[in-house]
Amino acid sequence: MRILIADDHEIVRKGLCQLVRSRADWEVCGEARDGEEACQLSRELHPDLVVVDLGMPALNGLDATRRMLQQNPSQKVLILTISDGEQMVEKALEAGARGFVLKSDAARDLIAAIDAVSRGMTFFTARVDNLIFDGFRHSGRTAPDQVKIGKLTAREQQIVQYIAEGKSTREIAAMLNISAKTTETHRNNILRKLKIHSVPELVMYALRNNLVSSAPEASPQ
């Protein structure tokens, strides 16, 4: 697998490259120092996956992700950042990234994240769950365990999980042996029942309610 690494800090970038190269079947096909260079190299090198730092000069990670996906809608992107918070995770999903790893967790989670995203799944560092729960607690909104998942049928819950894992409408239809049109009808019904307006919001809902897995917490030392 060919991977492009984009981070403006050389020490961090070299460390990420070293982690990637620990896998014999992976290679770093390019390194970018800012968002503009990341987009250029993505266009020229056609990597299988791009690891993008959120806070880069010239073009930040979110805008770079959007541009890369405009250039190539099938491009897989993993966001790496020191920033946290539910809003940041949602922005990364809205930009089109399929994974979100905090830099503090990179040594533990980067390999697993790249592996998951490369296989069409989503990946979130375990701490993201805690960030989302904290967001609910401090905002005064309904706690996740009080959200009425019972509004959804068993089939709809299954579809939510597949959507959150990054599966396309056609993939879900094939897995459930139903038509793509039926799958889209289910998705629209899910959004209506949950009063959700976008797929990123639906992924966040799945995380809050444990309908999709995040990375496991590290064992205490």
C-alpha atoms as a PDB file:
ATOM      1  CA  MET A   1       0.000   0.000   0.000  1.00  0.00           C
ATOM      2  CA  ARG A   2       1.294   3.442  -0.975  1.00  0.00           C
ATOM      3  CA  ILE A   3       0.791   6.142   1.661  1.00  0.00           C
ATOM      4  CA  LEU A   4       1.303   9.910   1.508  1.00  0.00           C
ATOM      5  CA  ILE A   5       2.192  11.661   4.788  1.00  0.00           C
ATOM      6  CA  ALA A   6       1.349  15.361   5.195  1.00  0.00           C
ATOM      7  CA  ASP A   7       2.594  17.231   8.292  1.00  0.00           C
ATOM      8  CA  ASP A   8       4.402  20.567   8.540  1.00  0.00           C
ATOM      9  CA  HIS A   9       6.634  19.483  11.439  1.00  0.00           C
ATOM     10  CA  GLU A  10       9.579  17.500  10.091  1.00  0.00           C
ATOM     11  CA  ILE A  11      10.225  15.537  13.284  1.00  0.00           C
ATOM     12  CA  VAL A  12       6.591  14.453  13.484  1.00  0.00           C
ATOM     13  CA  ARG A  13       6.483  13.657   9.759  1.00  0.00           C
ATOM     14  CA  LYS A  14       9.607  11.498   9.955  1.00  0.00           C
ATOM     15  CA  GLY A  15       8.187   9.680  12.971  1.00  0.00           C
ATOM     16  CA  LEU A  16       4.969   8.947  11.096  1.00  0.00           C
ATOM     17  CA  CYS A  17       6.948   7.678   8.117  1.00  0.00           C
ATOM     18  CA  GLN A  18       8.905   5.365  10.394  1.00  0.00           C
ATOM     19  CA  LEU A  19       5.689   3.940  11.823  1.00  0.00           C
ATOM     20  CA  VAL A  20       4.296   3.326   8.333  1.00  0.00           C
ATOM     21  CA  ARG A  21       7.512   1.647   7.176  1.00  0.00           C
ATOM     22  CA  SER A  22       7.295  -0.795  10.083  1.00  0.00           C
ATOM     23  CA  ARG A  23       4.838  -2.678   7.886  1.00  0.00           C
ATOM     24  CA  ALA A  24       6.706  -4.584   5.177  1.00  0.00           C
ATOM     25  CA  ASP A  25       3.800  -4.315   2.728  1.00  0.00           C
ATOM     26  CA  TRP A  26       3.437  -0.524   3.088  1.00  0.00           C
ATOM     27  CA  GLU A  27       5.533   2.279   1.626  1.00  0.00           C
ATOM     28  CA  VAL A  28       5.671   6.050   2.023  1.00  0.00           C
ATOM     29  CA  CYS A  29       5.273   7.283  -1.536  1.00  0.00           C
ATOM     30  CA  GLY A  30       5.608  10.967  -0.625  1.00  0.00           C
ATOM     31  CA  GLU A  31       5.901  13.575   2.120  1.00  0.00           C
ATOM     32  CA  ALA A  32       4.126  16.949   2.132  1.00  0.00           C
ATOM     33  CA  ARG A  33       4.997  19.956   4.310  1.00  0.00           C
ATOM     34  CA  ASP A  34       1.704  21.831   3.861  1.00  0.00           C
ATOM     35  CA  GLY A  35      -1.807  21.418   2.519  1.00  0.00           C
ATOM     36  CA  GLU A  36      -1.045  22.739  -0.948  1.00  0.00           C
ATOM     37  CA  GLU A  37       1.820  20.278  -1.398  1.00  0.00           C
ATOM     38  CA  ALA A  38      -0.360  17.452  -0.072  1.00  0.00           C
ATOM     39  CA  CYS A  39      -2.956  18.149  -2.769  1.00  0.00           C
ATOM     40  CA  GLN A  40      -0.293  18.384  -5.458  1.00  0.00           C
ATOM     41  CA  LEU A  41       1.384  15.108  -4.446  1.00  0.00           C
ATOM     42  CA  SER A  42      -1.971  13.373  -4.102  1.00  0.00           C
ATOM     43  CA  ARG A  43      -2.789  14.377  -7.670  1.00  0.00           C
ATOM     44  CA  GLU A  44       0.636  13.337  -9.003  1.00  0.00           C
ATOM     45  CA  LEU A  45       1.349  10.170  -6.995  1.00  0.00           C
ATOM     46  CA  HIS A  46      -2.149   8.658  -6.628  1.00  0.00           C
ATOM     47  CA  PRO A  47      -1.528   7.215  -3.127  1.00  0.00           C
ATOM     48  CA  ASP A  48      -3.829   4.566  -1.723  1.00  0.00           C
ATOM     49  CA  LEU A  49      -4.233   6.617   1.452  1.00  0.00           C
ATOM     50  CA  VAL A  50      -3.240  10.052   2.743  1.00  0.00           C
ATOM     51  CA  VAL A  51      -2.467  10.849   6.392  1.00  0.00           C
ATOM     52  CA  VAL A  52      -3.172  14.575   6.824  1.00  0.00           C
ATOM     53  CA  ASP A  53      -2.270  16.808   9.755  1.00  0.00           C
ATOM     54  CA  LEU A  54      -5.161  19.108  10.605  1.00  0.00           C
ATOM     55  CA  GLY A  55      -3.122  22.250  11.334  1.00  0.00           C
ATOM     56  CA  MET A  56      -0.891  22.897   8.331  1.00  0.00           C
ATOM     57  CA  PRO A  57       0.148  26.178   6.638  1.00  0.00           C
ATOM     58  CA  ALA A  58      -0.898  27.258   3.129  1.00  0.00           C
ATOM     59  CA  LEU A  59      -3.977  25.019   3.291  1.00  0.00           C
ATOM     60  CA  ASN A  60      -5.249  23.384   6.487  1.00  0.00           C
ATOM     61  CA  GLY A  61      -5.976  19.669   6.722  1.00  0.00           C
ATOM     62  CA  LEU A  62      -9.741  20.010   6.333  1.00  0.00           C
ATOM     63  CA  ASP A  63      -9.510  22.163   3.200  1.00  0.00           C
ATOM     64  CA  ALA A  64      -6.776  19.908   1.812  1.00  0.00           C
ATOM     65  CA  THR A  65      -9.000  16.877   2.391  1.00  0.00           C
ATOM     66  CA  ARG A  66     -11.895  18.542   0.565  1.00  0.00           C
ATOM     67  CA  ARG A  67      -9.675  19.446  -2.381  1.00  0.00           C
ATOM     68  CA  MET A  68      -8.120  15.979  -2.622  1.00  0.00           C
ATOM     69  CA  LEU A  69     -11.573  14.406  -2.678  1.00  0.00           C
ATOM     70  CA  GLN A  70     -12.674  16.840  -5.371  1.00  0.00           C
ATOM     71  CA  GLN A  71      -9.668  15.707  -7.404  1.00  0.00           C
ATOM     72  CA  ASN A  72     -10.297  12.044  -6.625  1.00  0.00           C
ATOM     73  CA  PRO A  73     -13.578  11.141  -4.844  1.00  0.00           C
ATOM     74  CA  SER A  74     -12.289   7.655  -4.002  1.00  0.00           C
ATOM     75  CA  GLN A  75      -9.200   8.966  -2.194  1.00  0.00           C
ATOM     76  CA  LYS A  76      -8.986   7.641   1.383  1.00  0.00           C
ATOM     77  CA  VAL A  77      -7.970  10.251   3.971  1.00  0.00           C
ATOM     78  CA  LEU A  78      -7.061   9.898   7.646  1.00  0.00           C
ATOM     79  CA  ILE A  79      -6.917  13.030   9.815  1.00  0.00           C
ATOM     80  CA  LEU A  80      -4.175  13.345  12.426  1.00  0.00           C
ATOM     81  CA  THR A  81      -4.405  16.190  14.924  1.00  0.00           C
ATOM     82  CA  ILE A  82      -3.658  17.544  18.369  1.00  0.00           C
ATOM     83  CA  SER A  83      -7.113  19.147  18.401  1.00  0.00           C
ATOM     84  CA  ASP A  84     -10.042  17.484  20.093  1.00  0.00           C
ATOM     85  CA  GLY A  85     -13.736  18.063  20.606  1.00  0.00           C
ATOM     86  CA  GLU A  86     -16.903  16.713  19.022  1.00  0.00           C
ATOM     87  CA  GLN A  87     -17.173  19.648  16.615  1.00  0.00           C
ATOM     88  CA  MET A  88     -13.692  18.953  15.218  1.00  0.00           C
ATOM     89  CA  VAL A  89     -14.515  15.284  14.652  1.00  0.00           C
ATOM     90  CA  GLU A  90     -17.715  16.232  12.851  1.00  0.00           C
ATOM     91  CA  LYS A  91     -15.860  18.751  10.666  1.00  0.00           C
ATOM     92  CA  ALA A  92     -13.357  16.058   9.697  1.00  0.00           C
ATOM     93  CA  LEU A  93     -16.210  13.733   8.687  1.00  0.00           C
ATOM     94  CA  GLU A  94     -17.929  16.502   6.745  1.00  0.00           C
ATOM     95  CA  ALA A  95     -14.682  17.155   4.872  1.00  0.00           C
ATOM     96  CA  GLY A  96     -14.682  13.508   3.806  1.00  0.00           C
ATOM     97  CA  ALA A  97     -12.070  11.959   6.101  1.00  0.00           C
ATOM     98  CA  ARG A  98     -12.815   8.392   7.161  1.00  0.00           C
ATOM     99  CA  GLY A  99     -10.650   8.334  10.275  1.00  0.00           C
ATOM    100  CA  PHE A 100      -9.585  10.623  13.115  1.00  0.00           C
ATOM    101  CA  VAL A 101      -6.513   9.983  15.273  1.00  0.00           C
ATOM    102  CA  LEU A 102      -5.117  12.263  17.959  1.00  0.00           C
ATOM    103  CA  LYS A 103      -1.364  12.776  17.666  1.00  0.00           C
ATOM    104  CA  SER A 104      -0.949  11.727  21.276  1.00  0.00           C
ATOM    105  CA  ASP A 105      -2.379   8.328  20.271  1.00  0.00           C
ATOM    106  CA  ALA A 106      -0.555   7.954  16.962  1.00  0.00           C
ATOM    107  CA  ALA A 107       2.139   5.569  18.193  1.00  0.00           C
ATOM    108  CA  ARG A 108      -0.573   3.218  19.433  1.00  0.00           C
ATOM    109  CA  ASP A 109      -3.311   3.709  16.823  1.00  0.00           C
ATOM    110  CA  LEU A 110      -1.845   4.858  13.504  1.00  0.00           C
ATOM    111  CA  ILE A 111      -1.179   1.387  12.066  1.00  0.00           C
ATOM    112  CA  ALA A 112      -4.646   0.133  13.026  1.00  0.00           C
ATOM    113  CA  ALA A 113      -6.233   3.334  11.685  1.00  0.00           C
ATOM    114  CA  ILE A 114      -4.503   3.091   8.307  1.00  0.00           C
ATOM    115  CA  ASP A 115      -5.405  -0.592   8.061  1.00  0.00           C
ATOM    116  CA  ALA A 116      -9.080   0.090   8.840  1.00  0.00           C
ATOM    117  CA  VAL A 117      -9.475   3.098   6.528  1.00  0.00           C
ATOM    118  CA  SER A 118      -7.671   1.322   3.687  1.00  0.00           C
ATOM    119  CA  ARG A 119     -10.292  -1.463   3.923  1.00  0.00           C
ATOM    120  CA  GLY A 120     -13.153   1.002   3.597  1.00  0.00           C
ATOM    121  CA  MET A 121     -13.958   1.239   7.299  1.00  0.00           C
ATOM    122  CA  THR A 122     -13.992   4.234   9.612  1.00  0.00           C
ATOM    123  CA  PHE A 123     -11.620   4.578  12.551  1.00  0.00           C
ATOM    124  CA  PHE A 124     -11.726   6.779  15.638  1.00  0.00           C
ATOM    125  CA  THR A 125      -9.196   6.873  18.439  1.00  0.00           C
ATOM    126  CA  ALA A 126     -10.818   5.554  21.619  1.00  0.00           C
ATOM    127  CA  ARG A 127     -10.483   8.976  23.248  1.00  0.00           C
ATOM    128  CA  VAL A 128     -12.924  10.350  20.680  1.00  0.00           C
ATOM    129  CA  ASP A 129     -15.740   8.488  22.458  1.00  0.00           C
ATOM    130  CA  ASN A 130     -14.826  10.244  25.700  1.00  0.00           C
ATOM    131  CA  LEU A 131     -14.702  13.609  23.938  1.00  0.00           C
ATOM    132  CA  ILE A 132     -18.181  13.064  22.534  1.00  0.00           C
ATOM    133  CA  PHE A 133     -19.580  12.020  25.903  1.00  0.00           C
ATOM    134  CA  ASP A 134     -17.949  15.052  27.548  1.00  0.00           C
ATOM    135  CA  GLY A 135     -19.559  17.275  24.916  1.00  0.00           C
ATOM    136  CA  PHE A 136     -22.976  15.976  25.885  1.00  0.00           C
ATOM    137  CA  ARG A 137     -22.326  16.287  29.603  1.00  0.00           C
ATOM    138  CA  HIS A 138     -21.145  19.898  29.401  1.00  0.00           C
ATOM    139  CA  SER A 139     -23.731  21.028  26.868  1.00  0.00           C
ATOM    140  CA  GLY A 140     -26.708  19.777  28.855  1.00  0.00           C
ATOM    141  CA  ARG A 141     -28.036  17.797  25.895  1.00  0.00           C
ATOM    142  CA  THR A 142     -29.648  14.383  26.299  1.00  0.00           C
ATOM    143  CA  ALA A 143     -27.067  11.823  27.337  1.00  0.00           C
ATOM    144  CA  PRO A 144     -26.228   9.102  24.792  1.00  0.00           C
ATOM    145  CA  ASP A 145     -27.703   6.304  26.901  1.00  0.00           C
ATOM    146  CA  GLN A 146     -31.010   8.180  26.926  1.00  0.00           C
ATOM    147  CA  VAL A 147     -31.238   8.447  23.156  1.00  0.00           C
ATOM    148  CA  LYS A 148     -34.099   6.229  22.015  1.00  0.00           C
ATOM    149  CA  ILE A 149     -32.367   3.802  19.692  1.00  0.00           C
ATOM    150  CA  GLY A 150     -35.631   1.877  19.868  1.00  0.00           C
ATOM    151  CA  LYS A 151     -36.994   4.291  17.273  1.00  0.00           C
ATOM    152  CA  LEU A 152     -35.015   2.281  14.736  1.00  0.00           C
ATOM    153  CA  THR A 153     -35.845  -1.219  13.574  1.00  0.00           C
ATOM    154  CA  ALA A 154     -33.168  -3.925  13.813  1.00  0.00           C
ATOM    155  CA  ARG A 155     -32.552  -3.578  10.070  1.00  0.00           C
ATOM    156  CA  GLU A 156     -32.188   0.193  10.375  1.00  0.00           C
ATOM    157  CA  GLN A 157     -29.690  -0.163  13.228  1.00  0.00           C
ATOM    158  CA  GLN A 158     -27.724  -2.566  11.051  1.00  0.00           C
ATOM    159  CA  ILE A 159     -27.688  -0.060   8.202  1.00  0.00           C
ATOM    160  CA  VAL A 160     -26.549   2.717  10.569  1.00  0.00           C
ATOM    161  CA  GLN A 161     -23.610   0.545  11.577  1.00  0.00           C
ATOM    162  CA  TYR A 162     -22.657  -0.162   7.965  1.00  0.00           C
ATOM    163  CA  ILE A 163     -22.902   3.523   7.020  1.00  0.00           C
ATOM    164  CA  ALA A 164     -20.740   4.483  10.006  1.00  0.00           C
ATOM    165  CA  GLU A 165     -18.185   1.873   8.938  1.00  0.00           C
ATOM    166  CA  GLY A 166     -17.884   3.613   5.589  1.00  0.00           C
ATOM    167  CA  LYS A 167     -19.860   1.188   3.440  1.00  0.00           C
ATOM    168  CA  SER A 168     -21.455   2.570   0.271  1.00  0.00           C
ATOM    169  CA  THR A 169     -25.132   2.205  -0.643  1.00  0.00           C
ATOM    170  CA  ARG A 170     -24.296  -0.512  -3.174  1.00  0.00           C
ATOM    171  CA  GLU A 171     -22.126  -2.401  -0.679  1.00  0.00           C
ATOM    172  CA  ILE A 172     -24.864  -2.291   1.970  1.00  0.00           C
ATOM    173  CA  ALA A 173     -27.463  -3.430  -0.561  1.00  0.00           C
ATOM    174  CA  ALA A 174     -25.297  -6.389  -1.583  1.00  0.00           C
ATOM    175  CA  MET A 175     -24.544  -7.355   2.033  1.00  0.00           C
ATOM    176  CA  LEU A 176     -28.245  -7.292   2.976  1.00  0.00           C
ATOM    177  CA  ASN A 177     -29.478  -8.735  -0.325  1.00  0.00           C
ATOM    178  CA  ILE A 178     -31.757  -5.767  -0.997  1.00  0.00           C
ATOM    179  CA  SER A 179     -31.850  -3.185  -3.776  1.00  0.00           C
ATOM    180  CA  ALA A 180     -29.895   0.070  -3.678  1.00  0.00           C
ATOM    181  CA  LYS A 181     -33.216   1.938  -3.831  1.00  0.00           C
ATOM    182  CA  THR A 182     -34.477   0.085  -0.748  1.00  0.00           C
ATOM    183  CA  THR A 183     -31.232   0.878   1.037  1.00  0.00           C
ATOM    184  CA  GLU A 184     -31.639   4.571   0.237  1.00  0.00           C
ATOM    185  CA  THR A 185     -35.237   4.440   1.520  1.00  0.00           C
ATOM    186  CA  HIS A 186     -34.019   2.917   4.780  1.00  0.00           C
ATOM    187  CA  ARG A 187     -31.343   5.618   5.090  1.00  0.00           C
ATOM    188  CA  ASN A 188     -33.866   8.412   4.519  1.00  0.00           C
ATOM    189  CA  ASN A 189     -36.202   6.889   7.106  1.00  0.00           C
ATOM    190  CA  ILE A 190     -33.317   6.669   9.591  1.00  0.00           C
ATOM    191  CA  LEU A 191     -32.410  10.323   9.112  1.00  0.00           C
ATOM    192  CA  ARG A 192     -36.059  11.341   9.479  1.00  0.00           C
ATOM    193  CA  LYS A 193     -36.629   9.280  12.638  1.00  0.00           C
ATOM    194  CA  LEU A 194     -33.477  10.559  14.307  1.00  0.00           C
ATOM    195  CA  LYS A 195     -33.923  14.133  13.040  1.00  0.00           C
ATOM    196  CA  ILE A 196     -30.437  13.983  11.542  1.00  0.00           C
ATOM    197  CA  HIS A 197     -29.580  15.808   8.324  1.00  0.00           C
ATOM    198  CA  SER A 198     -26.295  14.351   7.084  1.00  0.00           C
ATOM    199  CA  VAL A 199     -24.120  11.231   7.055  1.00  0.00           C
ATOM    200  CA  PRO A 200     -21.448  12.837   9.322  1.00  0.00           C
ATOM    201  CA  GLU A 201     -24.150  13.516  11.916  1.00  0.00           C
ATOM    202  CA  LEU A 202     -25.298   9.911  11.558  1.00  0.00           C
ATOM    203  CA  VAL A 203     -21.752   8.651  12.175  1.00  0.00           C
ATOM    204  CA  MET A 204     -21.575  10.787  15.316  1.00  0.00           C
ATOM    205  CA  TYR A 205     -24.897   9.297  16.448  1.00  0.00           C
ATOM    206  CA  ALA A 206     -23.502   5.797  15.882  1.00  0.00           C
ATOM    207  CA  LEU A 207     -20.444   6.609  17.978  1.00  0.00           C
ATOM    208  CA  ARG A 208     -22.506   8.038  20.829  1.00  0.00           C
ATOM    209  CA  ASN A 209     -24.651   4.929  20.947  1.00  0.00           C
ATOM    210  CA  ASN A 210     -21.942   2.302  20.467  1.00  0.00           C
ATOM    211  CA  LEU A 211     -23.280   1.234  17.065  1.00  0.00           C
ATOM    212  CA  VAL A 212     -19.777   1.422  15.591  1.00  0.00           C
ATOM    213  CA  SER A 213     -16.483   0.485  17.182  1.00  0.00           C
ATOM    214  CA  SER A 214     -13.632   2.875  17.954  1.00  0.00           C
ATOM    215  CA  ALA A 215     -10.074   1.907  18.776  1.00  0.00           C
ATOM    216  CA  PRO A 216      -9.554  -0.004  22.032  1.00  0.00           C
ATOM    217  CA  GLU A 217      -8.155   1.840  24.982  1.00  0.00           C
ATOM    218  CA  ALA A 218      -4.500   1.183  25.688  1.00  0.00           C
ATOM    219  CA  SER A 219      -3.749  -1.082  28.614  1.00  0.00           C
ATOM    220  CA  PRO A 220      -2.331   0.713  31.648  1.00  0.00           C
ATOM    221  CA  GLN A 221       1.413   0.501  32.029  1.00  0.00           C
END
